[in-house]
């Protein structure tokens, strides 16, 4: 379509030239007109088959006849650009624009050369000439400011376009890039607060403000903004964070669960806030154990969390409360959900098995861990402890003696090893070795 319009433009200009000549010297000019047209159409033919050099030769012949024909200079620019001869291309487009500065396409040609040559500063000059033709060129100007690191100008233009044209994904990405510089964050926070006051039903402003507060670890301000969002747009996913807290404060567990699940399922809410929601629900469940199944379901939302094994952290919470049975459940869940075998999780689980006197599980799991981590002395200790409690004294002795080989600079663990070896030899009826290891344990306890 664009090419058709340009061809019509060329023909009109050519016919106008022919008419002018016809009015002055009809017979003599006729031959020049025919030559001009022949050269011009020859240039179009050569350009069409990508013989740009020949097209340029034909156009230069046209210029000998009409040196100030803007269309010919424009065509020359296009052929030079196709050859990546950016200097001559720009000169040709510039000449055309000087002859007829009202023709948008001549300026577009200059802009195309700047962009192809990555002369972004030159492109800024040209794009400012194009904006009066079409304000949509401001979008290009935004990109040029970003490419030349003129963030102040880009920032101002982005905000202007957001006001006049609405937000766009590209401009929002540019904003995130600018905000990474740090110094612009306070200005954007003030801008967003103003936008929220002016347009309280525009959810994106609340979410952008929440993002900035979250990035700065200003959690209270995140929740305060979520509360405002909840009042303005109760159906918002972010509003569920505020509603969740309100329901917990009112001890309305059923509604809190609904709001929590919506928040945890949302892709808009960042993981730090989701972890805080889960932690608050965990504290609530500790006093309201009837919601334990909902807690287990909530943990499932974090299955793909690359940073935190949430089930393990819940187990630790119960361990600090000395609620060992609950700790066991969540450590076992953590092992099921973890993609790799985690030493810490398994040591915590073995301690929880010890506290709950699940000695068969203790001995079995500790022995399996020895196969996976053969140089970790803690697993030998727990395997020996479990075997002793199951009256498997010979097995306990053998495991504990092997584990001593891997024990280095751990006074507490060494003491426990000697106690368990004393128990094993006691069970085997070897009083001498029993006394030896108990005596050694006593000595270590005095250190």
Protein backbone atom coordinates (compact mmCIF):
# COMPACT_ATOMS: atom_id res chain seq x y z
CA UNK A 1 0.00 0.00 0.00
CA UNK A 2 2.83 2.33 0.98
CA UNK A 3 4.66 1.54 -2.30
CA UNK A 4 1.51 2.21 -4.36
CA UNK A 5 1.07 5.63 -2.77
CA UNK A 6 4.70 6.49 -3.42
CA UNK A 7 4.44 5.43 -7.08
CA UNK A 8 1.38 7.64 -7.55
CA UNK A 9 3.34 10.49 -5.91
CA UNK A 10 6.22 9.97 -8.35
CA UNK A 11 3.89 9.94 -11.35
CA UNK A 12 2.12 13.09 -10.20
CA UNK A 13 5.42 14.89 -9.73
CA UNK A 14 6.62 13.72 -13.09
CA UNK A 15 3.44 14.77 -14.85
CA UNK A 16 3.62 18.18 -13.16
CA UNK A 17 7.13 18.64 -14.52
CA UNK A 18 5.94 17.64 -17.99
CA UNK A 19 3.09 20.15 -17.85
CA UNK A 20 5.44 22.93 -16.78
CA UNK A 21 7.79 22.22 -19.62
CA UNK A 22 4.89 21.97 -22.07
CA UNK A 23 3.79 25.48 -21.16
CA UNK A 24 7.23 26.93 -21.89
CA UNK A 25 8.87 25.09 -24.82
CA UNK A 26 6.63 22.24 -25.97
CA UNK A 27 8.74 20.78 -28.76
CA UNK A 28 12.20 21.03 -27.20
CA UNK A 29 11.12 19.95 -23.75
CA UNK A 30 9.25 16.89 -25.00
CA UNK A 31 12.47 15.03 -25.66
CA UNK A 32 13.81 15.89 -22.18
CA UNK A 33 10.58 14.69 -20.59
CA UNK A 34 10.82 11.42 -22.45
CA UNK A 35 14.45 10.97 -21.38
CA UNK A 36 13.60 11.79 -17.77
CA UNK A 37 10.75 9.28 -17.75
CA UNK A 38 12.87 6.64 -19.45
CA UNK A 39 15.64 7.01 -16.86
CA UNK A 40 13.17 7.10 -14.01
CA UNK A 41 11.32 3.95 -15.03
CA UNK A 42 14.65 2.27 -15.73
CA UNK A 43 15.66 3.03 -12.11
CA UNK A 44 12.42 1.46 -10.86
CA UNK A 45 13.02 -1.63 -12.95
CA UNK A 46 16.61 -2.03 -11.75
CA UNK A 47 15.63 -1.48 -8.13
CA UNK A 48 12.88 -4.09 -8.52
CA UNK A 49 15.47 -6.73 -9.44
CA UNK A 50 17.86 -5.45 -6.76
CA UNK A 51 20.38 -3.94 -9.19
CA UNK A 52 20.73 -0.91 -6.93
CA UNK A 53 23.96 0.36 -8.56
CA UNK A 54 22.29 0.53 -11.97
CA UNK A 55 19.23 2.14 -10.43
CA UNK A 56 21.48 4.85 -8.96
CA UNK A 57 23.10 5.50 -12.38
CA UNK A 58 19.66 5.95 -13.96
CA UNK A 59 18.55 8.31 -11.17
CA UNK A 60 21.70 10.40 -11.54
CA UNK A 61 20.72 10.89 -15.18
CA UNK A 62 17.34 12.13 -13.97
CA UNK A 63 19.08 14.65 -11.71
CA UNK A 64 21.00 16.07 -14.66
CA UNK A 65 17.65 16.97 -16.15
CA UNK A 66 15.93 17.98 -12.87
CA UNK A 67 18.57 18.54 -10.15
CA UNK A 68 16.02 19.72 -7.54
CA UNK A 69 13.47 16.96 -7.97
CA UNK A 70 12.78 15.80 -4.42
CA UNK A 71 11.35 12.47 -5.55
CA UNK A 72 14.55 11.54 -7.36
CA UNK A 73 16.67 12.37 -4.32
CA UNK A 74 14.28 10.26 -2.23
CA UNK A 75 14.66 7.32 -4.63
CA UNK A 76 18.42 7.72 -4.57
CA UNK A 77 18.29 7.53 -0.77
CA UNK A 78 16.36 4.27 -0.88
CA UNK A 79 18.85 2.66 -3.24
CA UNK A 80 21.85 3.82 -1.23
CA UNK A 81 20.18 2.50 1.93
CA UNK A 82 19.66 -0.89 0.26
CA UNK A 83 23.42 -0.93 -0.45
CA UNK A 84 24.10 0.08 3.19
CA UNK A 85 25.81 3.21 1.94
CA UNK A 86 24.46 5.15 4.91
CA UNK A 87 26.31 8.40 4.27
CA UNK A 88 24.99 8.90 0.73
CA UNK A 89 21.58 7.55 1.71
CA UNK A 90 21.23 10.14 4.49
CA UNK A 91 22.49 12.96 2.22
CA UNK A 92 19.93 12.05 -0.44
CA UNK A 93 16.99 11.87 1.99
CA UNK A 94 18.16 15.10 3.63
CA UNK A 95 18.30 16.86 0.24
CA UNK A 96 14.75 15.71 -0.49
CA UNK A 97 13.55 17.01 2.89
CA UNK A 98 15.19 20.41 2.28
CA UNK A 99 13.34 20.72 -1.03
CA UNK A 100 10.02 19.64 0.52
CA UNK A 101 10.10 19.61 4.35
CA UNK A 102 6.34 18.89 4.47
CA UNK A 103 6.77 15.38 3.08
CA UNK A 104 6.83 12.94 6.02
CA UNK A 105 8.40 10.11 4.02
CA UNK A 106 11.58 12.07 3.34
CA UNK A 107 12.11 12.40 7.11
CA UNK A 108 11.23 8.73 7.57
CA UNK A 109 14.03 7.90 5.14
CA UNK A 110 16.51 9.85 7.25
CA UNK A 111 15.24 8.09 10.38
CA UNK A 112 15.61 4.68 8.72
CA UNK A 113 19.25 5.47 7.92
CA UNK A 114 19.96 6.60 11.49
CA UNK A 115 18.38 3.47 12.90
CA UNK A 116 20.19 1.12 10.50
CA UNK A 117 23.52 2.83 11.28
CA UNK A 118 22.70 2.80 15.02
CA UNK A 119 23.12 6.57 15.10
CA UNK A 120 20.54 6.97 17.84
CA UNK A 121 21.45 10.56 18.67
CA UNK A 122 20.95 11.53 15.03
CA UNK A 123 17.68 9.59 15.06
CA UNK A 124 16.45 11.68 18.01
CA UNK A 125 16.86 14.87 15.94
CA UNK A 126 14.93 13.36 13.03
CA UNK A 127 12.16 11.78 15.13
CA UNK A 128 11.42 15.17 16.65
CA UNK A 129 10.77 16.40 13.11
CA UNK A 130 8.39 13.47 12.56
CA UNK A 131 6.34 13.88 15.75
CA UNK A 132 4.36 16.87 14.34
CA UNK A 133 3.27 14.57 11.48
CA UNK A 134 2.19 11.78 13.85
CA UNK A 135 2.39 11.78 17.65
CA UNK A 136 2.83 7.98 17.58
CA UNK A 137 6.49 8.64 16.82
CA UNK A 138 6.82 9.52 20.52
CA UNK A 139 6.94 5.77 21.16
CA UNK A 140 10.08 5.59 19.00
CA UNK A 141 11.51 8.58 20.83
CA UNK A 142 11.07 6.73 24.14
CA UNK A 143 13.13 3.82 22.79
CA UNK A 144 15.79 6.20 21.50
CA UNK A 145 16.10 7.89 24.88
CA UNK A 146 16.55 4.44 26.46
CA UNK A 147 19.18 3.43 23.88
CA UNK A 148 21.14 6.62 24.62
CA UNK A 149 20.76 6.27 28.42
CA UNK A 150 18.81 9.54 28.64
CA UNK A 151 16.68 8.15 31.47
CA UNK A 152 15.37 11.50 32.72
CA UNK A 153 13.87 12.30 29.32
CA UNK A 154 12.65 8.73 28.86
CA UNK A 155 11.03 8.80 32.31
CA UNK A 156 9.16 12.04 31.60
CA UNK A 157 7.99 10.83 28.19
CA UNK A 158 6.86 7.44 29.55
CA UNK A 159 4.73 9.15 32.18
CA UNK A 160 3.30 11.51 29.56
CA UNK A 161 2.38 8.64 27.24
CA UNK A 162 0.92 6.61 30.11
CA UNK A 163 -1.33 9.58 30.85
CA UNK A 164 -2.38 10.23 27.25
CA UNK A 165 -2.33 6.77 25.69
CA UNK A 166 -2.54 4.31 28.58
CA UNK A 167 0.19 1.93 29.70
CA UNK A 168 1.99 -0.48 27.38
CA UNK A 169 4.10 -3.56 28.10
CA UNK A 170 7.14 -2.05 26.43
CA UNK A 171 6.96 1.20 28.38
CA UNK A 172 6.44 -0.71 31.63
CA UNK A 173 9.55 -2.78 30.83
CA UNK A 174 11.47 0.44 30.23
CA UNK A 175 10.23 1.73 33.58
CA UNK A 176 11.52 -1.36 35.35
CA UNK A 177 14.89 -0.85 33.66
CA UNK A 178 15.01 2.79 34.80
CA UNK A 179 13.89 1.90 38.32
CA UNK A 180 16.81 -0.51 38.61
CA UNK A 181 19.00 2.61 38.73
CA UNK A 182 17.65 3.30 42.22
CA UNK A 183 17.45 7.08 42.22
CA UNK A 184 14.16 7.08 40.32
CA UNK A 185 12.28 4.87 42.78
CA UNK A 186 11.15 7.60 45.17
CA UNK A 187 9.92 9.71 42.27
CA UNK A 188 7.94 6.76 40.91
CA UNK A 189 6.46 6.01 44.33
CA UNK A 190 5.20 9.59 44.56
CA UNK A 191 3.92 9.37 40.98
CA UNK A 192 2.02 6.15 41.71
CA UNK A 193 0.51 7.51 44.91
CA UNK A 194 -0.76 10.47 42.88
CA UNK A 195 -2.10 8.14 40.18
CA UNK A 196 -3.97 6.08 42.78
CA UNK A 197 -5.62 9.22 44.18
CA UNK A 198 -6.61 10.34 40.70
CA UNK A 199 -7.71 6.89 39.46
CA UNK A 200 -8.57 4.71 42.47
CA UNK A 201 -10.07 1.97 40.27
CA UNK A 202 -6.88 1.43 38.22
CA UNK A 203 -5.43 -1.78 39.68
CA UNK A 204 -2.09 -1.61 37.85
CA UNK A 205 -1.01 1.47 39.85
CA UNK A 206 -1.52 -0.35 43.15
CA UNK A 207 0.41 -3.39 41.88
CA UNK A 208 3.31 -1.24 40.63
CA UNK A 209 3.46 0.52 44.01
CA UNK A 210 3.34 -2.81 45.84
CA UNK A 211 6.20 -4.06 43.64
CA UNK A 212 8.38 -1.09 44.58
CA UNK A 213 7.64 -1.40 48.29
CA UNK A 214 8.32 -5.14 48.13
CA UNK A 215 11.61 -4.56 46.32
CA UNK A 216 12.64 -2.22 49.15
CA UNK A 217 11.52 -4.79 51.76
CA UNK A 218 8.89 -2.36 53.06
CA UNK A 219 6.45 -5.11 53.91
CA UNK A 220 4.17 -2.95 56.06
CA UNK A 221 3.70 -0.53 53.18
CA UNK A 222 2.98 -3.48 50.88
CA UNK A 223 0.17 -4.57 53.19
CA UNK A 224 -1.08 -1.01 53.62
CA UNK A 225 -1.31 -0.60 49.83
CA UNK A 226 -3.02 -3.99 49.53
CA UNK A 227 -5.56 -2.81 52.10
CA UNK A 228 -6.29 0.30 50.00
CA UNK A 229 -6.62 -1.90 46.93
CA UNK A 230 -9.04 -4.17 48.76
CA UNK A 231 -11.27 -1.18 49.59
CA UNK A 232 -11.15 0.12 46.01
CA UNK A 233 -11.28 -3.20 44.10
CA UNK A 234 -12.36 -6.07 46.40
CA UNK A 235 -12.11 -8.63 43.57
CA UNK A 236 -8.40 -7.97 42.97
CA UNK A 237 -6.03 -10.87 43.64
CA UNK A 238 -3.74 -8.54 45.60
CA UNK A 239 -6.72 -7.45 47.68
CA UNK A 240 -6.91 -11.02 48.99
CA UNK A 241 -3.72 -10.41 50.97
CA UNK A 242 -5.46 -7.66 52.92
CA UNK A 243 -8.69 -9.63 53.25
CA UNK A 244 -6.71 -12.63 54.53
CA UNK A 245 -5.24 -10.56 57.37
CA UNK A 246 -8.65 -9.12 58.21
CA UNK A 247 -10.22 -12.58 58.39
CA UNK A 248 -7.41 -13.86 60.61
CA UNK A 249 -7.81 -10.91 62.96
CA UNK A 250 -11.53 -11.72 63.16
CA UNK A 251 -10.70 -15.42 63.68
CA UNK A 252 -12.74 -16.32 60.60
CA UNK A 253 -10.59 -19.24 59.52
CA UNK A 254 -12.85 -20.47 56.71
CA UNK A 255 -12.82 -17.12 54.88
CA UNK A 256 -9.11 -16.67 55.62
CA UNK A 257 -8.42 -19.98 53.86
CA UNK A 258 -10.32 -18.87 50.75
CA UNK A 259 -8.45 -15.56 50.59
CA UNK A 260 -5.12 -17.28 51.28
CA UNK A 261 -5.59 -19.83 48.50
CA UNK A 262 -6.46 -17.09 45.99
CA UNK A 263 -3.35 -15.14 47.01
CA UNK A 264 -1.04 -18.16 46.89
CA UNK A 265 -2.37 -19.22 43.48
CA UNK A 266 -1.86 -15.76 41.99
CA UNK A 267 1.03 -15.18 39.59
CA UNK A 268 0.86 -11.45 40.34
CA UNK A 269 1.86 -11.73 44.01
CA UNK A 270 5.58 -12.13 44.69
CA UNK A 271 6.97 -15.00 46.71
CA UNK A 272 8.06 -12.90 49.72
CA UNK A 273 4.47 -11.87 50.38
CA UNK A 274 3.24 -15.43 49.82
CA UNK A 275 5.73 -16.72 52.40
CA UNK A 276 4.52 -14.11 54.87
CA UNK A 277 0.89 -15.15 54.27
CA UNK A 278 1.80 -18.80 54.90
CA UNK A 279 3.74 -17.94 58.06
CA UNK A 280 0.78 -16.04 59.48
CA UNK A 281 -1.53 -18.92 58.66
CA UNK A 282 0.90 -21.35 60.30
CA UNK A 283 0.75 -19.36 63.54
CA UNK A 284 -3.05 -19.34 63.27
CA UNK A 285 -3.15 -23.13 62.72
CA UNK A 286 -0.97 -23.67 65.78
CA UNK A 287 -3.86 -22.36 67.86
CA UNK A 288 -6.56 -23.73 65.55
CA UNK A 289 -5.38 -27.24 64.58
CA UNK A 290 -8.66 -28.01 62.81
CA UNK A 291 -7.22 -26.06 59.85
CA UNK A 292 -4.15 -28.30 59.56
CA UNK A 293 -5.40 -29.91 56.28
CA UNK A 294 -5.65 -26.41 54.78
CA UNK A 295 -2.06 -25.73 55.82
CA UNK A 296 -0.89 -28.88 54.04
CA UNK A 297 -2.75 -27.81 50.91
CA UNK A 298 -1.21 -24.33 51.13
CA UNK A 299 2.29 -25.81 51.27
CA UNK A 300 1.56 -27.43 47.91
CA UNK A 301 1.57 -23.99 46.27
CA UNK A 302 5.31 -23.80 47.01
CA UNK A 303 6.28 -27.13 45.44
CA UNK A 304 8.25 -25.39 42.68
CA UNK A 305 9.86 -22.79 44.92
CA UNK A 306 13.57 -22.95 44.00
CA UNK A 307 14.75 -21.14 47.12
CA UNK A 308 12.85 -22.52 50.11
CA UNK A 309 11.57 -25.97 51.04
CA UNK A 310 8.46 -24.68 52.79
CA UNK A 311 7.50 -28.02 54.33
CA UNK A 312 10.90 -28.17 56.04
CA UNK A 313 10.47 -24.65 57.42
CA UNK A 314 7.05 -25.59 58.80
CA UNK A 315 8.67 -28.64 60.43
CA UNK A 316 11.22 -26.36 62.07
CA UNK A 317 8.40 -24.18 63.40
CA UNK A 318 6.81 -27.18 65.11
CA UNK A 319 10.20 -28.38 66.34
CA UNK A 320 10.82 -25.05 68.15
CA UNK A 321 7.41 -25.58 69.78
CA UNK A 322 8.53 -29.14 70.68
CA UNK A 323 5.53 -30.46 68.81
CA UNK A 324 7.56 -33.38 67.54
CA UNK A 325 4.80 -35.39 65.87
CA UNK A 326 3.87 -32.42 63.69
CA UNK A 327 7.55 -31.80 62.98
CA UNK A 328 7.90 -35.42 61.81
CA UNK A 329 4.94 -35.06 59.43
CA UNK A 330 6.36 -31.98 57.74
CA UNK A 331 9.94 -33.23 57.54
CA UNK A 332 8.63 -36.38 55.84
CA UNK A 333 6.60 -34.17 53.50
CA UNK A 334 9.71 -32.08 52.79
CA UNK A 335 11.59 -35.22 51.76
CA UNK A 336 8.80 -36.21 49.39
CA UNK A 337 8.68 -32.79 47.76
CA UNK A 338 12.44 -32.20 47.55
CA UNK A 339 14.10 -33.05 44.25
CA UNK A 340 17.44 -33.73 45.98
CA UNK A 341 18.28 -35.54 49.21
CA UNK A 342 18.88 -32.81 51.78
CA UNK A 343 21.24 -33.50 54.70
CA UNK A 344 19.70 -30.95 57.05
CA UNK A 345 16.13 -32.13 56.49
CA UNK A 346 17.09 -35.72 57.20
CA UNK A 347 19.06 -34.87 60.34
CA UNK A 348 16.08 -32.89 61.63
CA UNK A 349 13.78 -35.79 60.81
CA UNK A 350 16.03 -38.27 62.63
CA UNK A 351 16.04 -36.07 65.72
CA UNK A 352 12.22 -35.85 65.54
CA UNK A 353 12.03 -39.67 65.24
CA UNK A 354 14.23 -39.89 68.36
CA UNK A 355 11.99 -37.52 70.32
CA UNK A 356 8.86 -39.45 69.30
CA UNK A 357 10.59 -42.80 70.02
CA UNK A 358 10.05 -44.08 66.47
CA UNK A 359 13.21 -46.16 66.66
CA UNK A 360 12.49 -48.51 63.77
CA UNK A 361 12.09 -45.57 61.41
CA UNK A 362 15.13 -43.95 63.01
CA UNK A 363 17.40 -46.96 62.41
CA UNK A 364 16.06 -47.60 58.90
CA UNK A 365 16.28 -44.01 57.66
CA UNK A 366 19.68 -43.36 59.24
CA UNK A 367 21.11 -46.51 57.62
CA UNK A 368 19.75 -45.42 54.23
CA UNK A 369 21.40 -42.01 54.69
CA UNK A 370 24.74 -43.69 55.39
CA UNK A 371 24.54 -45.19 51.91
CA UNK A 372 23.92 -41.75 50.42
CA UNK A 373 26.33 -39.75 52.62
CA UNK A 374 28.96 -42.28 53.83
CA UNK A 375 31.23 -39.63 55.39
CA UNK A 376 28.58 -37.92 57.55
CA UNK A 377 29.12 -39.15 61.15
CA UNK A 378 25.71 -37.92 62.39
CA UNK A 379 23.94 -40.61 60.38
CA UNK A 380 26.11 -43.34 61.95
CA UNK A 381 25.21 -41.96 65.39
CA UNK A 382 21.45 -42.04 64.74
CA UNK A 383 21.69 -45.52 63.16
CA UNK A 384 23.58 -46.74 66.22
CA UNK A 385 21.11 -45.11 68.60
CA UNK A 386 18.14 -46.66 66.80
CA UNK A 387 19.77 -50.09 66.75
CA UNK A 388 20.53 -49.92 70.47
CA UNK A 389 16.91 -49.02 71.23
CA UNK A 390 15.82 -52.02 69.16
CA UNK A 391 18.27 -54.23 71.12
CA UNK A 392 20.33 -54.81 67.96
CA UNK A 393 23.56 -54.29 69.90
CA UNK A 394 26.01 -55.98 67.56
CA UNK A 395 24.74 -53.93 64.62
CA UNK A 396 24.85 -50.77 66.73
CA UNK A 397 28.46 -51.44 67.77
CA UNK A 398 29.60 -52.02 64.17
CA UNK A 399 27.88 -48.91 62.82
CA UNK A 400 29.12 -46.66 65.63
CA UNK A 401 32.73 -47.87 65.32
CA UNK A 402 32.63 -47.15 61.57
CA UNK A 403 31.21 -43.69 62.21
CA UNK A 404 34.04 -42.77 64.60
CA UNK A 405 36.41 -42.79 61.62
CA UNK A 406 34.59 -39.78 60.17
CA UNK A 407 34.28 -37.81 63.41
CA UNK A 408 36.33 -34.58 63.42
CA UNK A 409 36.32 -31.78 66.04
CA UNK A 410 32.77 -32.27 67.31
CA UNK A 411 32.94 -32.70 71.09
CA UNK A 412 29.18 -33.12 71.62
CA UNK A 413 28.81 -35.75 68.91
CA UNK A 414 31.90 -37.59 70.10
CA UNK A 415 30.41 -37.73 73.61
CA UNK A 416 27.16 -39.18 72.25
CA UNK A 417 29.07 -41.75 70.18
CA UNK A 418 30.84 -42.99 73.30
CA UNK A 419 27.58 -43.17 75.27
CA UNK A 420 25.96 -45.26 72.54
CA UNK A 421 29.04 -47.51 72.25
CA UNK A 422 28.85 -48.04 76.03
CA UNK A 423 25.16 -48.97 75.63
CA UNK A 424 25.98 -51.38 72.80
CA UNK A 425 28.74 -53.17 74.76
CA UNK A 426 26.48 -53.25 77.81
CA UNK A 427 23.87 -55.01 75.74
CA UNK A 428 26.52 -57.42 74.45
CA UNK A 429 27.62 -58.19 78.03
CA UNK A 430 31.11 -56.74 77.67
CA UNK A 431 31.40 -54.83 80.97
CA UNK A 432 35.02 -53.84 80.42
CA UNK A 433 34.36 -52.01 77.15
CA UNK A 434 31.11 -50.63 78.50
CA UNK A 435 33.02 -49.00 81.36
CA UNK A 436 35.72 -47.79 78.96
CA UNK A 437 33.29 -45.92 76.71
CA UNK A 438 31.13 -44.53 79.53
CA UNK A 439 34.31 -43.32 81.25
CA UNK A 440 35.46 -41.67 78.04
CA UNK A 441 32.08 -39.99 77.63
CA UNK A 442 32.31 -38.63 81.19
CA UNK A 443 35.75 -37.20 80.46
CA UNK A 444 34.46 -35.48 77.33
CA UNK A 445 31.54 -34.03 79.27
CA UNK A 446 33.97 -32.30 81.64
CA UNK A 447 35.77 -30.53 78.80
